[in-house]
Full PDB file with SEQRES, HELIX, SHEET, SSBOND, CRYST1, ORIGX, SCALE, CONECT and MASTER records, all heavy atoms in Angstrom:
SEQRES   1 A   30  SER ASP MET GLY ASN ALA GLY VAL TYR VAL PHE GLU THR          
SEQRES   2 A   30  SER GLU ASP LEU THR GLN GLU ALA VAL LYS LYS TYR ASN          
SEQRES   3 A   30  MET LYS VAL VAL                                              
HELIX    1 AA1 ASP A    2  ALA A    6  1                                   5    
HELIX    2 AA2 GLN A   19  LYS A   24  1                                   6    
CRYST1    1.000    1.000    1.000  90.00  90.00  90.00 P 1           1          
ORIGX1      1.000000  0.000000  0.000000        0.00000                         
ORIGX2      0.000000  1.000000  0.000000        0.00000                         
ORIGX3      0.000000  0.000000  1.000000        0.00000                         
SCALE1      1.000000  0.000000  0.000000        0.00000                         
SCALE2      0.000000  1.000000  0.000000        0.00000                         
SCALE3      0.000000  0.000000  1.000000        0.00000                         
ATOM      1  N   SER A   1      81.018 104.760  93.761  1.00  0.00           N  
ATOM      2  CA  SER A   1      80.491 104.108  92.581  1.00  0.00           C  
ATOM      3  C   SER A   1      79.225 103.317  92.922  1.00  0.00           C  
ATOM      4  O   SER A   1      78.248 103.335  92.174  1.00  0.00           O  
ATOM      5  CB  SER A   1      81.494 103.163  91.970  1.00  0.00           C  
ATOM      6  OG  SER A   1      81.013 102.461  90.889  1.00  0.00           O  
ATOM      7  N   ASP A   2      79.298 102.600  94.023  1.00  0.00           N  
ATOM      8  CA  ASP A   2      78.016 101.821  94.520  1.00  0.00           C  
ATOM      9  C   ASP A   2      76.851 102.831  94.661  1.00  0.00           C  
ATOM     10  O   ASP A   2      75.650 102.505  94.311  1.00  0.00           O  
ATOM     11  CB  ASP A   2      78.319 101.137  95.804  1.00  0.00           C  
ATOM     12  CG  ASP A   2      79.349 100.020  95.641  1.00  0.00           C  
ATOM     13  OD1 ASP A   2      79.342  99.375  94.552  1.00  0.00           O  
ATOM     14  OD2 ASP A   2      80.078  99.746  96.630  1.00  0.00           O  
ATOM     15  N   MET A   3      77.158 104.011  95.282  1.00  0.00           N  
ATOM     16  CA  MET A   3      76.081 104.958  95.432  1.00  0.00           C  
ATOM     17  C   MET A   3      75.488 105.399  94.095  1.00  0.00           C  
ATOM     18  O   MET A   3      74.275 105.609  93.993  1.00  0.00           O  
ATOM     19  CB  MET A   3      76.574 106.144  96.284  1.00  0.00           C  
ATOM     20  CG  MET A   3      76.915 105.763  97.716  1.00  0.00           C  
ATOM     21  SD  MET A   3      77.690 107.202  98.636  1.00  0.00           S  
ATOM     22  CE  MET A   3      76.273 108.305  98.663  1.00  0.00           C  
ATOM     23  N   GLY A   4      76.379 105.650  93.117  1.00  0.00           N  
ATOM     24  CA  GLY A   4      75.954 106.132  91.859  1.00  0.00           C  
ATOM     25  C   GLY A   4      75.085 105.014  91.173  1.00  0.00           C  
ATOM     26  O   GLY A   4      74.100 105.424  90.452  1.00  0.00           O  
ATOM     27  N   ASN A   5      75.469 103.742  91.295  1.00  0.00           N  
ATOM     28  CA  ASN A   5      74.609 102.704  90.768  1.00  0.00           C  
ATOM     29  C   ASN A   5      73.317 102.507  91.472  1.00  0.00           C  
ATOM     30  O   ASN A   5      72.307 102.115  90.810  1.00  0.00           O  
ATOM     31  CB  ASN A   5      75.399 101.368  90.776  1.00  0.00           C  
ATOM     32  CG  ASN A   5      76.643 101.430  89.961  1.00  0.00           C  
ATOM     33  OD1 ASN A   5      76.737 102.231  88.965  1.00  0.00           O  
ATOM     34  ND2 ASN A   5      77.593 100.632  90.317  1.00  0.00           N  
ATOM     35  N   ALA A   6      73.258 102.775  92.747  1.00  0.00           N  
ATOM     36  CA  ALA A   6      72.178 102.477  93.594  1.00  0.00           C  
ATOM     37  C   ALA A   6      71.002 103.479  93.412  1.00  0.00           C  
ATOM     38  O   ALA A   6      69.808 103.146  93.338  1.00  0.00           O  
ATOM     39  CB  ALA A   6      72.550 102.415  95.083  1.00  0.00           C  
ATOM     40  N   GLY A   7      71.259 104.772  93.478  1.00  0.00           N  
ATOM     41  CA  GLY A   7      70.221 105.761  93.519  1.00  0.00           C  
ATOM     42  C   GLY A   7      69.863 106.052  94.917  1.00  0.00           C  
ATOM     43  O   GLY A   7      70.721 106.192  95.833  1.00  0.00           O  
ATOM     44  N   VAL A   8      68.550 106.079  95.305  1.00  0.00           N  
ATOM     45  CA  VAL A   8      68.109 106.484  96.624  1.00  0.00           C  
ATOM     46  C   VAL A   8      68.513 105.467  97.669  1.00  0.00           C  
ATOM     47  O   VAL A   8      68.954 105.881  98.785  1.00  0.00           O  
ATOM     48  CB  VAL A   8      66.570 106.525  96.648  1.00  0.00           C  
ATOM     49  CG1 VAL A   8      66.079 107.005  98.017  1.00  0.00           C  
ATOM     50  CG2 VAL A   8      66.090 107.596  95.605  1.00  0.00           C  
ATOM     51  N   TYR A   9      68.407 104.175  97.414  1.00  0.00           N  
ATOM     52  CA  TYR A   9      68.765 103.133  98.414  1.00  0.00           C  
ATOM     53  C   TYR A   9      69.914 102.258  97.940  1.00  0.00           C  
ATOM     54  O   TYR A   9      69.923 101.886  96.766  1.00  0.00           O  
ATOM     55  CB  TYR A   9      67.592 102.274  98.675  1.00  0.00           C  
ATOM     56  CG  TYR A   9      66.397 102.938  99.481  1.00  0.00           C  
ATOM     57  CD1 TYR A   9      65.420 103.540  98.740  1.00  0.00           C  
ATOM     58  CD2 TYR A   9      66.442 102.956 100.847  1.00  0.00           C  
ATOM     59  CE1 TYR A   9      64.343 104.146  99.456  1.00  0.00           C  
ATOM     60  CE2 TYR A   9      65.421 103.560 101.498  1.00  0.00           C  
ATOM     61  CZ  TYR A   9      64.371 104.147 100.872  1.00  0.00           C  
ATOM     62  OH  TYR A   9      63.337 104.791 101.514  1.00  0.00           O  
ATOM     63  N   VAL A  10      70.818 101.962  98.784  1.00  0.00           N  
ATOM     64  CA  VAL A  10      71.911 101.002  98.473  1.00  0.00           C  
ATOM     65  C   VAL A  10      71.554  99.705  99.009  1.00  0.00           C  
ATOM     66  O   VAL A  10      71.451  99.384 100.185  1.00  0.00           O  
ATOM     67  CB  VAL A  10      73.267 101.523  99.211  1.00  0.00           C  
ATOM     68  CG1 VAL A  10      74.412 100.556  98.820  1.00  0.00           C  
ATOM     69  CG2 VAL A  10      73.603 102.886  98.776  1.00  0.00           C  
ATOM     70  N   PHE A  11      71.403  98.714  98.012  1.00  0.00           N  
ATOM     71  CA  PHE A  11      71.110  97.357  98.414  1.00  0.00           C  
ATOM     72  C   PHE A  11      72.425  96.477  98.204  1.00  0.00           C  
ATOM     73  O   PHE A  11      72.649  95.529  98.955  1.00  0.00           O  
ATOM     74  CB  PHE A  11      70.087  96.796  97.472  1.00  0.00           C  
ATOM     75  CG  PHE A  11      68.686  97.169  97.796  1.00  0.00           C  
ATOM     76  CD1 PHE A  11      68.119  98.266  97.196  1.00  0.00           C  
ATOM     77  CD2 PHE A  11      67.920  96.592  98.691  1.00  0.00           C  
ATOM     78  CE1 PHE A  11      66.840  98.760  97.433  1.00  0.00           C  
ATOM     79  CE2 PHE A  11      66.635  96.967  98.989  1.00  0.00           C  
ATOM     80  CZ  PHE A  11      66.137  98.060  98.335  1.00  0.00           C  
ATOM     81  N   GLU A  12      73.189  96.794  97.197  1.00  0.00           N  
ATOM     82  CA  GLU A  12      74.313  95.933  96.772  1.00  0.00           C  
ATOM     83  C   GLU A  12      75.594  96.711  96.747  1.00  0.00           C  
ATOM     84  O   GLU A  12      75.611  97.986  96.453  1.00  0.00           O  
ATOM     85  CB  GLU A  12      74.031  95.331  95.435  1.00  0.00           C  
ATOM     86  CG  GLU A  12      72.793  94.465  95.310  1.00  0.00           C  
ATOM     87  CD  GLU A  12      72.462  94.012  93.866  1.00  0.00           C  
ATOM     88  OE1 GLU A  12      72.452  94.821  93.009  1.00  0.00           O  
ATOM     89  OE2 GLU A  12      72.314  92.799  93.705  1.00  0.00           O  
ATOM     90  N   THR A  13      76.735  96.159  96.952  1.00  0.00           N  
ATOM     91  CA  THR A  13      77.994  96.684  96.898  1.00  0.00           C  
ATOM     92  C   THR A  13      78.896  95.853  96.029  1.00  0.00           C  
ATOM     93  O   THR A  13      78.743  94.617  95.982  1.00  0.00           O  
ATOM     94  CB  THR A  13      78.668  96.933  98.227  1.00  0.00           C  
ATOM     95  OG1 THR A  13      78.727  95.688  98.895  1.00  0.00           O  
ATOM     96  CG2 THR A  13      77.858  97.802  99.112  1.00  0.00           C  
ATOM     97  N   SER A  14      79.851  96.447  95.319  1.00  0.00           N  
ATOM     98  CA  SER A  14      80.684  95.590  94.460  1.00  0.00           C  
ATOM     99  C   SER A  14      81.764  94.790  95.356  1.00  0.00           C  
ATOM    100  O   SER A  14      82.294  93.815  94.886  1.00  0.00           O  
ATOM    101  CB  SER A  14      81.513  96.545  93.491  1.00  0.00           C  
ATOM    102  OG  SER A  14      82.171  97.536  94.199  1.00  0.00           O  
ATOM    103  N   GLU A  15      82.013  95.259  96.492  1.00  0.00           N  
ATOM    104  CA  GLU A  15      82.868  94.477  97.480  1.00  0.00           C  
ATOM    105  C   GLU A  15      82.312  94.543  98.884  1.00  0.00           C  
ATOM    106  O   GLU A  15      81.562  95.458  99.263  1.00  0.00           O  
ATOM    107  CB  GLU A  15      84.257  95.215  97.526  1.00  0.00           C  
ATOM    108  CG  GLU A  15      85.001  95.115  96.217  1.00  0.00           C  
ATOM    109  CD  GLU A  15      86.407  95.794  96.366  1.00  0.00           C  
ATOM    110  OE1 GLU A  15      86.446  97.033  96.355  1.00  0.00           O  
ATOM    111  OE2 GLU A  15      87.421  95.127  96.420  1.00  0.00           O  
ATOM    112  N   ASP A  16      82.632  93.497  99.627  1.00  0.00           N  
ATOM    113  CA  ASP A  16      82.395  93.327 101.038  1.00  0.00           C  
ATOM    114  C   ASP A  16      83.766  93.305 101.795  1.00  0.00           C  
ATOM    115  O   ASP A  16      84.781  93.146 101.205  1.00  0.00           O  
ATOM    116  CB  ASP A  16      81.581  92.094 101.383  1.00  0.00           C  
ATOM    117  CG  ASP A  16      80.222  92.096 100.723  1.00  0.00           C  
ATOM    118  OD1 ASP A  16      79.783  93.111 100.280  1.00  0.00           O  
ATOM    119  OD2 ASP A  16      79.559  91.011 100.742  1.00  0.00           O  
ATOM    120  N   LEU A  17      83.690  93.597 103.084  1.00  0.00           N  
ATOM    121  CA  LEU A  17      84.781  93.417 103.943  1.00  0.00           C  
ATOM    122  C   LEU A  17      84.555  92.224 104.890  1.00  0.00           C  
ATOM    123  O   LEU A  17      83.421  91.973 105.301  1.00  0.00           O  
ATOM    124  CB  LEU A  17      85.039  94.672 104.817  1.00  0.00           C  
ATOM    125  CG  LEU A  17      85.370  95.919 104.095  1.00  0.00           C  
ATOM    126  CD1 LEU A  17      85.612  97.054 105.085  1.00  0.00           C  
ATOM    127  CD2 LEU A  17      86.601  95.723 103.155  1.00  0.00           C  
ATOM    128  N   THR A  18      85.564  91.476 105.184  1.00  0.00           N  
ATOM    129  CA  THR A  18      85.465  90.331 106.104  1.00  0.00           C  
ATOM    130  C   THR A  18      85.266  90.861 107.532  1.00  0.00           C  
ATOM    131  O   THR A  18      85.528  92.076 107.840  1.00  0.00           O  
ATOM    132  CB  THR A  18      86.729  89.517 106.132  1.00  0.00           C  
ATOM    133  OG1 THR A  18      87.810  90.348 106.678  1.00  0.00           O  
ATOM    134  CG2 THR A  18      87.106  88.981 104.728  1.00  0.00           C  
ATOM    135  N   GLN A  19      84.615  90.041 108.375  1.00  0.00           N  
ATOM    136  CA  GLN A  19      84.436  90.450 109.762  1.00  0.00           C  
ATOM    137  C   GLN A  19      85.732  90.748 110.411  1.00  0.00           C  
ATOM    138  O   GLN A  19      85.786  91.647 111.303  1.00  0.00           O  
ATOM    139  CB  GLN A  19      83.703  89.325 110.489  1.00  0.00           C  
ATOM    140  CG  GLN A  19      82.217  89.070 110.050  1.00  0.00           C  
ATOM    141  CD  GLN A  19      81.312  90.197 110.481  1.00  0.00           C  
ATOM    142  OE1 GLN A  19      81.663  91.093 111.237  1.00  0.00           O  
ATOM    143  NE2 GLN A  19      80.086  90.144 109.913  1.00  0.00           N  
ATOM    144  N   GLU A  20      86.704  90.042 110.061  1.00  0.00           N  
ATOM    145  CA  GLU A  20      88.054  90.293 110.625  1.00  0.00           C  
ATOM    146  C   GLU A  20      88.659  91.625 110.308  1.00  0.00           C  
ATOM    147  O   GLU A  20      89.229  92.361 111.116  1.00  0.00           O  
ATOM    148  CB  GLU A  20      89.084  89.206 110.196  1.00  0.00           C  
ATOM    149  CG  GLU A  20      88.817  87.837 110.634  1.00  0.00           C  
ATOM    150  CD  GLU A  20      87.707  87.066 109.911  1.00  0.00           C  
ATOM    151  OE1 GLU A  20      87.206  87.602 108.851  1.00  0.00           O  
ATOM    152  OE2 GLU A  20      87.255  85.984 110.366  1.00  0.00           O  
ATOM    153  N   ALA A  21      88.355  92.055 109.095  1.00  0.00           N  
ATOM    154  CA  ALA A  21      88.753  93.436 108.629  1.00  0.00           C  
ATOM    155  C   ALA A  21      88.051  94.505 109.411  1.00  0.00           C  
ATOM    156  O   ALA A  21      88.649  95.516 109.801  1.00  0.00           O  
ATOM    157  CB  ALA A  21      88.517  93.640 107.164  1.00  0.00           C  
ATOM    158  N   VAL A  22      86.706  94.319 109.566  1.00  0.00           N  
ATOM    159  CA  VAL A  22      85.923  95.314 110.326  1.00  0.00           C  
ATOM    160  C   VAL A  22      86.410  95.452 111.673  1.00  0.00           C  
ATOM    161  O   VAL A  22      86.543  96.565 112.218  1.00  0.00           O  
ATOM    162  CB  VAL A  22      84.440  94.841 110.303  1.00  0.00           C  
ATOM    163  CG1 VAL A  22      83.565  95.699 111.228  1.00  0.00           C  
ATOM    164  CG2 VAL A  22      83.897  94.862 108.884  1.00  0.00           C  
ATOM    165  N   LYS A  23      86.780  94.343 112.297  1.00  0.00           N  
ATOM    166  CA  LYS A  23      87.259  94.343 113.673  1.00  0.00           C  
ATOM    167  C   LYS A  23      88.652  94.953 113.783  1.00  0.00           C  
ATOM    168  O   LYS A  23      88.947  95.803 114.594  1.00  0.00           O  
ATOM    169  CB  LYS A  23      87.263  92.953 114.320  1.00  0.00           C  
ATOM    170  CG  LYS A  23      87.687  92.936 115.759  1.00  0.00           C  
ATOM    171  CD  LYS A  23      87.491  91.441 116.304  1.00  0.00           C  
ATOM    172  CE  LYS A  23      87.936  91.424 117.788  1.00  0.00           C  
ATOM    173  NZ  LYS A  23      87.839  90.022 118.240  1.00  0.00           N  
ATOM    174  N   LYS A  24      89.586  94.469 112.907  1.00  0.00           N  
ATOM    175  CA  LYS A  24      90.990  94.871 113.030  1.00  0.00           C  
ATOM    176  C   LYS A  24      91.120  96.421 112.688  1.00  0.00           C  
ATOM    177  O   LYS A  24      91.920  97.071 113.372  1.00  0.00           O  
ATOM    178  CB  LYS A  24      91.780  94.091 111.891  1.00  0.00           C  
ATOM    179  CG  LYS A  24      93.280  94.459 111.849  1.00  0.00           C  
ATOM    180  CD  LYS A  24      93.950  93.612 110.808  1.00  0.00           C  
ATOM    181  CE  LYS A  24      95.469  93.962 110.664  1.00  0.00           C  
ATOM    182  NZ  LYS A  24      96.237  93.662 111.885  1.00  0.00           N  
ATOM    183  N   TYR A  25      90.378  96.984 111.752  1.00  0.00           N  
ATOM    184  CA  TYR A  25      90.527  98.293 111.419  1.00  0.00           C  
ATOM    185  C   TYR A  25      89.499  99.219 111.978  1.00  0.00           C  
ATOM    186  O   TYR A  25      89.299 100.462 111.578  1.00  0.00           O  
ATOM    187  CB  TYR A  25      90.613  98.464 109.836  1.00  0.00           C  
ATOM    188  CG  TYR A  25      91.841  97.831 109.289  1.00  0.00           C  
ATOM    189  CD1 TYR A  25      91.800  96.482 108.745  1.00  0.00           C  
ATOM    190  CD2 TYR A  25      93.077  98.484 109.369  1.00  0.00           C  
ATOM    191  CE1 TYR A  25      92.911  95.947 108.191  1.00  0.00           C  
ATOM    192  CE2 TYR A  25      94.253  97.874 108.878  1.00  0.00           C  
ATOM    193  CZ  TYR A  25      94.150  96.634 108.384  1.00  0.00           C  
ATOM    194  OH  TYR A  25      95.304  95.971 107.908  1.00  0.00           O  
ATOM    195  N   ASN A  26      88.665  98.684 112.893  1.00  0.00           N  
ATOM    196  CA  ASN A  26      87.664  99.483 113.641  1.00  0.00           C  
ATOM    197  C   ASN A  26      86.739 100.195 112.692  1.00  0.00           C  
ATOM    198  O   ASN A  26      86.476 101.424 112.900  1.00  0.00           O  
ATOM    199  CB  ASN A  26      88.358 100.426 114.611  1.00  0.00           C  
ATOM    200  CG  ASN A  26      87.419 100.974 115.624  1.00  0.00           C  
ATOM    201  OD1 ASN A  26      86.488 100.365 116.005  1.00  0.00           O  
ATOM    202  ND2 ASN A  26      87.700 102.245 116.121  1.00  0.00           N  
ATOM    203  N   MET A  27      86.287  99.461 111.750  1.00  0.00           N  
ATOM    204  CA  MET A  27      85.363 100.015 110.720  1.00  0.00           C  
ATOM    205  C   MET A  27      84.042 100.417 111.353  1.00  0.00           C  
ATOM    206  O   MET A  27      83.487  99.585 112.259  1.00  0.00           O  
ATOM    207  CB  MET A  27      85.069  99.042 109.621  1.00  0.00           C  
ATOM    208  CG  MET A  27      86.383  98.577 108.846  1.00  0.00           C  
ATOM    209  SD  MET A  27      87.121  99.803 107.899  1.00  0.00           S  
ATOM    210  CE  MET A  27      85.901 100.184 106.638  1.00  0.00           C  
ATOM    211  N   LYS A  28      83.485 101.522 111.013  1.00  0.00           N  
ATOM    212  CA  LYS A  28      82.177 101.917 111.574  1.00  0.00           C  
ATOM    213  C   LYS A  28      81.086 101.212 110.819  1.00  0.00           C  
ATOM    214  O   LYS A  28      80.874 101.528 109.578  1.00  0.00           O  
ATOM    215  CB  LYS A  28      82.045 103.480 111.479  1.00  0.00           C  
ATOM    216  CG  LYS A  28      80.782 103.934 112.035  1.00  0.00           C  
ATOM    217  CD  LYS A  28      80.645 103.755 113.546  1.00  0.00           C  
ATOM    218  CE  LYS A  28      79.382 104.275 114.130  1.00  0.00           C  
ATOM    219  NZ  LYS A  28      79.271 104.071 115.567  1.00  0.00           N  
ATOM    220  N   VAL A  29      80.331 100.344 111.419  1.00  0.00           N  
ATOM    221  CA  VAL A  29      79.250  99.741 110.742  1.00  0.00           C  
ATOM    222  C   VAL A  29      77.961 100.379 111.152  1.00  0.00           C  
ATOM    223  O   VAL A  29      77.672 100.535 112.338  1.00  0.00           O  
ATOM    224  CB  VAL A  29      79.123  98.164 111.160  1.00  0.00           C  
ATOM    225  CG1 VAL A  29      77.982  97.565 110.463  1.00  0.00           C  
ATOM    226  CG2 VAL A  29      80.423  97.491 110.740  1.00  0.00           C  
ATOM    227  N   VAL A  30      77.225 100.907 110.167  1.00  0.00           N  
ATOM    228  CA  VAL A  30      76.013 101.759 110.474  1.00  0.00           C  
ATOM    229  C   VAL A  30      74.822 100.951 110.151  1.00  0.00           C  
ATOM    230  O   VAL A  30      74.767 100.055 109.240  1.00  0.00           O  
ATOM    231  CB  VAL A  30      76.093 103.097 109.641  1.00  0.00           C  
ATOM    232  CG1 VAL A  30      77.265 103.828 110.063  1.00  0.00           C  
ATOM    233  CG2 VAL A  30      76.067 102.813 108.136  1.00  0.00           C  
TER     234      VAL A  30                                                      
MASTER        0    0    0    2    0    0    0    6  233    1    0    3          
END                                                                             
């Protein structure tokens, strides 16, 4: 949905993840 709203470039997202979530679930940050 964020991609659909954004178009070519994604600046904003409807939700963020905490740093703890990124670390705990080994999220790929690009």
